[in-house]
Amino acid sequence: MLNILVTGGAGYIGSVLVPLLLSKGCKVTVLDNFMFNQSSLLECCANPNFEIINADSRNELAVREAMKGKDYIIPLAALAGFPICDKEICSAYSINLDAIKMILRLREKGQRIIFPCTNSGYGLGEGENFCTEKSPIKPISVYGKSKVEAEAAVLSESGTTAFRFATLFGASPRMRTDLLVNDFVYRAVFDRTIVIFEGNFKRNYLHVRDAANAFWFAIENFEKMEGGTHKCCLSDSNLSKIELCEKIKIHLPKFVYIEAPVGEDPDKRNYIVSNEKFESLGWKPLYSLDDGIDELIKTYRIIKNNQYSNV
């Protein structure tokens, strides 16, 4: 039985990943401070292989105790996204970077780390050229900079691997409505209209359940992946904001989107990425962007408030 620690395990990814790991027969400990008052892991509490520690990922005593005897450490705890990181710069660096360095300092011999980074590190990208794992890293936000520095620290040590995740979408028990696809579908459902700034800017996408599946793939194939970073995304979804709106309109024909002639998006990411390296190992995504849009439309028949955003 694998013994796994997931910091931030009650977050958007963790609330999907933890039940998956338990279903695979793993023993899972989650360390989370529940800063968003979420109750997304309640169904896991009946599982004897599940343990929960209510603590901050920067609490050295709590983290040291949680790490004891673990085979894998998946440090999901982070301030995720540029708005909250720009608002809480000191916390962003202390959680996204310093807490990761602490884990590296505290870990026992043989403990493996699977680190989640972000494609935000590519910043404005390289135009129409695909960004690969070897492309220059040029983060432009506090979020991107803190995560890229943490990735470099993790990969400087043995027994580690990392993902660079695309912009996630889809429903999670700890929902986030502030992610780009989730936000656009929310507006299409409730407002039926949206004003787009810099609609030609492109990025890539990935369903949150595929992100969770990627972690399990990494556990099963760690020797192949050790020492490197792997982009994890949908190969067929390098879409601009306008193209994303066009896809949403297929599902919601009354949706109207307008591109503003002036103004700018404060999150100035613009890149296209290749998933070739990770897929060459045998991993394939299970959920398309269309699957996620259908899922989100149903999700928003259940929820409607601002409780599910990081800011």
Protein backbone atom coordinates (compact mmCIF):
# COMPACT_ATOMS: atom_id res chain seq x y z
CA MET A 1 0.00 0.00 0.00
CA LEU A 2 1.47 3.34 -1.08
CA ASN A 3 1.48 6.02 1.60
CA ILE A 4 0.94 9.48 0.09
CA LEU A 5 0.90 13.01 1.51
CA VAL A 6 -1.07 15.65 -0.40
CA THR A 7 -0.65 19.20 0.89
CA GLY A 8 -3.53 21.42 -0.17
CA GLY A 9 -5.48 18.23 -0.81
CA ALA A 10 -8.86 19.90 -0.21
CA GLY A 11 -8.36 22.29 -3.12
CA TYR A 12 -9.62 22.22 -6.70
CA ILE A 13 -7.30 19.45 -7.92
CA GLY A 14 -6.91 17.69 -4.58
CA SER A 15 -10.64 17.20 -4.11
CA VAL A 16 -10.61 15.09 -7.28
CA LEU A 17 -7.18 13.52 -6.78
CA VAL A 18 -7.59 12.31 -3.18
CA PRO A 19 -10.68 10.14 -3.87
CA LEU A 20 -8.87 8.76 -6.92
CA LEU A 21 -5.81 7.77 -4.86
CA LEU A 22 -8.03 6.15 -2.22
CA SER A 23 -9.85 4.19 -4.94
CA LYS A 24 -6.45 2.84 -6.06
CA GLY A 25 -5.86 1.43 -2.58
CA CYS A 26 -3.44 4.10 -1.36
CA LYS A 27 -3.22 5.45 2.15
CA VAL A 28 -3.65 9.21 1.83
CA THR A 29 -2.91 11.99 4.30
CA VAL A 30 -4.13 15.49 3.44
CA LEU A 31 -2.67 18.60 5.05
CA ASP A 32 -4.84 21.65 4.37
CA ASN A 33 -5.82 24.81 6.24
CA PHE A 34 -9.27 25.00 4.55
CA MET A 35 -8.82 28.70 3.84
CA PHE A 36 -11.88 28.73 1.57
CA ASN A 37 -14.10 26.97 4.14
CA GLN A 38 -14.56 24.04 1.77
CA SER A 39 -16.00 20.68 2.82
CA SER A 40 -15.05 18.83 -0.34
CA LEU A 41 -13.43 15.77 1.31
CA LEU A 42 -16.29 14.78 3.63
CA GLU A 43 -17.02 11.62 1.64
CA CYS A 44 -13.42 10.47 2.21
CA CYS A 45 -13.71 10.57 6.00
CA ALA A 46 -15.36 7.15 6.16
CA ASN A 47 -12.35 5.56 4.48
CA PRO A 48 -9.90 4.11 7.05
CA ASN A 49 -7.01 4.83 4.67
CA PHE A 50 -7.73 8.58 4.78
CA GLU A 51 -6.18 10.95 7.32
CA ILE A 52 -6.67 14.71 7.57
CA ILE A 53 -4.44 17.32 9.21
CA ASN A 54 -5.89 20.81 9.54
CA ALA A 55 -2.75 22.94 9.31
CA ASP A 56 -0.95 25.47 7.15
CA SER A 57 1.57 24.15 4.62
CA ARG A 58 4.12 26.61 6.08
CA ASN A 59 3.83 25.09 9.57
CA GLU A 60 7.12 23.20 9.83
CA LEU A 61 6.15 21.06 12.82
CA ALA A 62 2.90 19.97 11.17
CA VAL A 63 4.54 19.31 7.81
CA ARG A 64 7.42 17.38 9.35
CA GLU A 65 4.98 15.11 11.19
CA ALA A 66 2.80 14.67 8.10
CA MET A 67 5.78 13.68 5.95
CA LYS A 68 6.93 10.83 8.20
CA GLY A 69 6.89 7.48 6.44
CA LYS A 70 5.36 8.74 3.20
CA ASP A 71 6.33 7.22 -0.15
CA TYR A 72 5.13 10.13 -2.26
CA ILE A 73 4.58 13.80 -1.52
CA ILE A 74 2.31 15.80 -3.82
CA PRO A 75 2.53 19.48 -2.79
CA LEU A 76 -0.67 20.99 -4.16
CA ALA A 77 -0.89 23.72 -1.49
CA ALA A 78 -0.58 27.05 -3.30
CA LEU A 79 -2.16 30.39 -3.93
CA ALA A 80 -3.31 29.60 -7.45
CA GLY A 81 -3.89 32.19 -10.15
CA PHE A 82 -2.54 35.65 -10.85
CA PRO A 83 -5.29 37.73 -9.12
CA ILE A 84 -4.88 36.26 -5.63
CA CYS A 85 -1.08 36.16 -5.96
CA ASP A 86 -0.92 39.81 -7.03
CA LYS A 87 -3.14 40.68 -4.08
CA GLU A 88 -1.17 38.58 -1.56
CA ILE A 89 2.42 38.75 -2.85
CA CYS A 90 4.17 37.80 0.39
CA SER A 91 1.84 34.87 1.00
CA ALA A 92 2.23 33.76 -2.62
CA TYR A 93 5.98 33.40 -2.28
CA SER A 94 5.86 31.89 1.20
CA ILE A 95 3.29 29.24 0.18
CA ASN A 96 4.20 28.63 -3.46
CA LEU A 97 7.99 28.70 -3.03
CA ASP A 98 9.24 28.73 0.56
CA ALA A 99 6.94 25.91 1.70
CA ILE A 100 8.22 23.77 -1.19
CA LYS A 101 11.83 24.42 -0.22
CA MET A 102 10.91 23.39 3.33
CA ILE A 103 9.52 20.07 2.07
CA LEU A 104 12.77 19.47 0.18
CA ARG A 105 14.74 20.16 3.35
CA LEU A 106 12.56 17.92 5.53
CA ARG A 107 12.06 14.92 3.27
CA GLU A 108 13.36 11.52 4.23
CA LYS A 109 15.63 9.38 2.07
CA GLY A 110 13.72 7.74 -0.76
CA GLN A 111 10.64 9.97 -0.60
CA ARG A 112 9.45 10.95 -4.06
CA ILE A 113 7.94 14.31 -4.99
CA ILE A 114 5.53 15.02 -7.86
CA PHE A 115 5.28 18.78 -8.22
CA PRO A 116 2.48 20.66 -10.04
CA CYS A 117 3.78 23.67 -11.95
CA THR A 118 1.98 25.76 -14.56
CA ASN A 119 2.16 26.80 -18.19
CA SER A 120 1.92 30.38 -16.87
CA GLY A 121 5.70 30.29 -16.85
CA TYR A 122 5.69 30.74 -20.63
CA GLY A 123 4.22 34.23 -20.28
CA LEU A 124 3.73 35.73 -23.74
CA GLY A 125 5.13 32.58 -25.36
CA GLU A 126 6.74 32.43 -28.79
CA GLY A 127 3.96 33.47 -31.14
CA GLU A 128 2.76 30.59 -33.31
CA ASN A 129 5.68 28.36 -32.27
CA PHE A 130 4.80 25.59 -29.85
CA CYS A 131 6.24 25.92 -26.35
CA THR A 132 7.94 22.71 -25.28
CA GLU A 133 9.70 21.64 -22.10
CA LYS A 134 12.86 23.20 -23.56
CA SER A 135 11.30 26.57 -24.43
CA PRO A 136 12.44 29.68 -22.53
CA ILE A 137 10.61 30.34 -19.27
CA LYS A 138 9.46 33.96 -19.05
CA PRO A 139 6.79 34.27 -16.33
CA ILE A 140 5.15 37.68 -16.10
CA SER A 141 3.01 37.24 -12.96
CA VAL A 142 3.79 36.62 -9.30
CA TYR A 143 1.97 33.32 -9.64
CA GLY A 144 4.07 32.21 -12.61
CA LYS A 145 7.36 33.39 -11.10
CA SER A 146 6.78 31.71 -7.72
CA LYS A 147 5.76 28.39 -9.30
CA VAL A 148 8.65 28.35 -11.80
CA GLU A 149 11.18 29.00 -9.04
CA ALA A 150 9.65 26.20 -6.98
CA GLU A 151 9.79 23.83 -9.95
CA ALA A 152 13.50 24.58 -10.41
CA ALA A 153 14.16 23.91 -6.73
CA VAL A 154 12.29 20.58 -6.87
CA LEU A 155 13.99 19.35 -10.04
CA SER A 156 17.43 20.24 -8.68
CA GLU A 157 17.12 17.21 -6.39
CA SER A 158 16.82 13.50 -7.15
CA GLY A 159 13.58 11.55 -6.73
CA THR A 160 11.43 14.30 -8.22
CA THR A 161 9.35 15.06 -11.28
CA ALA A 162 7.01 17.89 -12.27
CA PHE A 163 4.05 18.81 -14.43
CA ARG A 164 3.36 22.06 -16.22
CA PHE A 165 -0.41 22.07 -16.27
CA ALA A 166 -2.54 23.92 -18.79
CA THR A 167 -5.42 26.13 -17.62
CA LEU A 168 -7.71 23.72 -15.83
CA PHE A 169 -11.47 23.47 -16.27
CA GLY A 170 -14.35 21.27 -15.17
CA ALA A 171 -16.33 20.56 -12.02
CA SER A 172 -14.65 19.67 -8.74
CA PRO A 173 -16.11 19.17 -5.26
CA ARG A 174 -14.03 22.25 -4.36
CA MET A 175 -15.30 24.26 -7.31
CA ARG A 176 -13.54 27.26 -8.85
CA THR A 177 -15.53 29.59 -11.07
CA ASP A 178 -12.61 31.98 -11.66
CA LEU A 179 -10.72 29.71 -14.08
CA LEU A 180 -11.04 30.88 -17.69
CA VAL A 181 -13.28 28.15 -19.17
CA ASN A 182 -15.30 27.83 -15.96
CA ASP A 183 -15.74 31.61 -15.86
CA PHE A 184 -16.75 31.96 -19.52
CA VAL A 185 -19.32 29.16 -19.26
CA TYR A 186 -20.67 30.68 -16.04
CA ARG A 187 -21.17 34.01 -17.83
CA ALA A 188 -22.72 32.28 -20.83
CA VAL A 189 -25.21 30.46 -18.60
CA PHE A 190 -26.23 33.35 -16.36
CA ASP A 191 -25.42 36.59 -18.24
CA ARG A 192 -25.62 35.22 -21.81
CA THR A 193 -23.00 37.79 -22.79
CA ILE A 194 -19.35 38.63 -22.24
CA VAL A 195 -16.93 41.37 -23.30
CA ILE A 196 -13.53 39.98 -24.33
CA PHE A 197 -10.27 41.86 -23.97
CA GLU A 198 -7.40 40.84 -26.27
CA GLY A 199 -9.46 38.04 -27.74
CA ASN A 200 -6.62 36.76 -29.94
CA PHE A 201 -4.52 35.73 -26.93
CA LYS A 202 -4.20 31.94 -26.82
CA ARG A 203 -3.65 29.34 -24.17
CA ASN A 204 -4.25 25.64 -23.63
CA TYR A 205 -6.68 23.74 -21.40
CA LEU A 206 -7.01 20.54 -19.36
CA HIS A 207 -9.86 18.93 -17.44
CA VAL A 208 -9.25 18.75 -13.70
CA ARG A 209 -9.93 14.99 -13.74
CA ASP A 210 -7.23 14.53 -16.35
CA ALA A 211 -4.87 16.48 -14.09
CA ALA A 212 -5.68 14.05 -11.27
CA ASN A 213 -5.19 11.08 -13.61
CA ALA A 214 -1.79 12.50 -14.60
CA PHE A 215 -0.58 12.26 -10.99
CA TRP A 216 -1.56 8.59 -10.83
CA PHE A 217 0.18 7.99 -14.17
CA ALA A 218 3.32 9.61 -12.72
CA ILE A 219 3.20 7.31 -9.69
CA GLU A 220 2.92 4.26 -11.92
CA ASN A 221 5.63 5.48 -14.32
CA PHE A 222 7.89 7.44 -12.00
CA GLU A 223 11.17 5.95 -13.24
CA LYS A 224 10.39 7.12 -16.79
CA MET A 225 9.53 10.64 -15.61
CA GLU A 226 12.04 11.25 -12.83
CA GLY A 227 14.19 14.34 -13.12
CA GLY A 228 12.12 16.18 -15.73
CA THR A 229 9.09 18.37 -16.22
CA HIS A 230 6.18 17.38 -18.43
CA LYS A 231 3.55 19.59 -19.96
CA CYS A 232 0.07 18.21 -19.41
CA CYS A 233 -2.65 19.59 -21.67
CA LEU A 234 -5.15 18.91 -24.45
CA SER A 235 -3.20 18.73 -27.70
CA ASP A 236 -6.22 19.87 -29.73
CA SER A 237 -7.12 22.87 -27.59
CA ASN A 238 -4.66 25.68 -28.27
CA LEU A 239 -7.48 28.21 -28.51
CA SER A 240 -7.81 31.97 -28.37
CA LYS A 241 -10.44 33.51 -26.12
CA ILE A 242 -12.61 34.20 -29.16
CA GLU A 243 -12.27 30.59 -30.33
CA LEU A 244 -13.21 29.41 -26.83
CA CYS A 245 -16.34 31.59 -26.96
CA GLU A 246 -17.22 30.14 -30.36
CA LYS A 247 -17.00 26.65 -28.90
CA ILE A 248 -19.20 27.60 -25.92
CA LYS A 249 -21.77 29.15 -28.28
CA ILE A 250 -22.22 25.74 -29.98
CA HIS A 251 -23.52 24.46 -26.64
CA LEU A 252 -25.38 27.66 -25.68
CA PRO A 253 -26.61 29.29 -28.93
CA LYS A 254 -28.02 32.38 -27.15
CA PHE A 255 -24.55 33.28 -25.84
CA VAL A 256 -23.27 36.62 -27.23
CA TYR A 257 -19.62 37.65 -27.02
CA ILE A 258 -18.11 40.99 -28.02
CA GLU A 259 -14.44 41.89 -28.32
CA ALA A 260 -13.63 45.29 -26.81
CA PRO A 261 -11.71 47.61 -29.18
CA VAL A 262 -9.76 49.09 -26.23
CA GLY A 263 -8.57 47.84 -22.87
CA GLU A 264 -6.35 44.97 -21.84
CA ASP A 265 -6.52 41.75 -19.92
CA PRO A 266 -4.36 41.98 -16.78
CA ASP A 267 -3.47 38.28 -17.19
CA LYS A 268 -1.32 38.70 -20.29
CA ARG A 269 -0.60 35.06 -21.11
CA ASN A 270 -0.43 34.16 -24.78
CA TYR A 271 1.11 30.86 -25.84
CA ILE A 272 0.47 27.54 -27.55
CA VAL A 273 1.96 24.32 -26.21
CA SER A 274 2.84 20.82 -27.32
CA ASN A 275 1.93 17.77 -25.23
CA GLU A 276 4.15 15.44 -27.27
CA LYS A 277 6.63 14.50 -24.53
CA PHE A 278 4.04 13.36 -22.00
CA GLU A 279 1.86 11.58 -24.54
CA SER A 280 4.92 9.71 -25.84
CA LEU A 281 5.02 7.96 -22.45
CA GLY A 282 1.52 6.58 -23.01
CA TRP A 283 -0.67 9.10 -21.19
CA LYS A 284 -3.84 10.31 -22.91
CA PRO A 285 -6.51 12.76 -21.68
CA LEU A 286 -9.98 11.33 -21.21
CA TYR A 287 -12.03 14.53 -21.26
CA SER A 288 -12.39 17.02 -24.13
CA LEU A 289 -13.18 20.70 -23.88
CA ASP A 290 -16.70 19.92 -25.15
CA ASP A 291 -17.11 17.35 -22.37
CA GLY A 292 -16.14 20.00 -19.84
CA ILE A 293 -18.52 22.62 -21.24
CA ASP A 294 -21.44 20.17 -21.06
CA GLU A 295 -20.44 19.27 -17.51
CA LEU A 296 -20.18 22.90 -16.44
CA ILE A 297 -23.60 23.80 -17.84
CA LYS A 298 -25.08 21.10 -15.58
CA THR A 299 -22.89 22.23 -12.67
CA TYR A 300 -24.25 25.77 -12.90
CA ARG A 301 -27.77 24.47 -12.56
CA ILE A 302 -26.69 23.56 -9.02
CA ILE A 303 -24.43 26.44 -7.93
CA LYS A 304 -24.67 30.17 -8.41
CA ASN A 305 -22.63 32.40 -6.14
CA ASN A 306 -19.11 33.75 -5.72
CA GLN A 307 -18.10 31.26 -3.04
CA TYR A 308 -16.22 29.13 -5.54
CA SER A 309 -13.57 31.61 -6.64
CA ASN A 310 -10.03 32.12 -5.34
CA VAL A 311 -10.54 35.90 -5.21
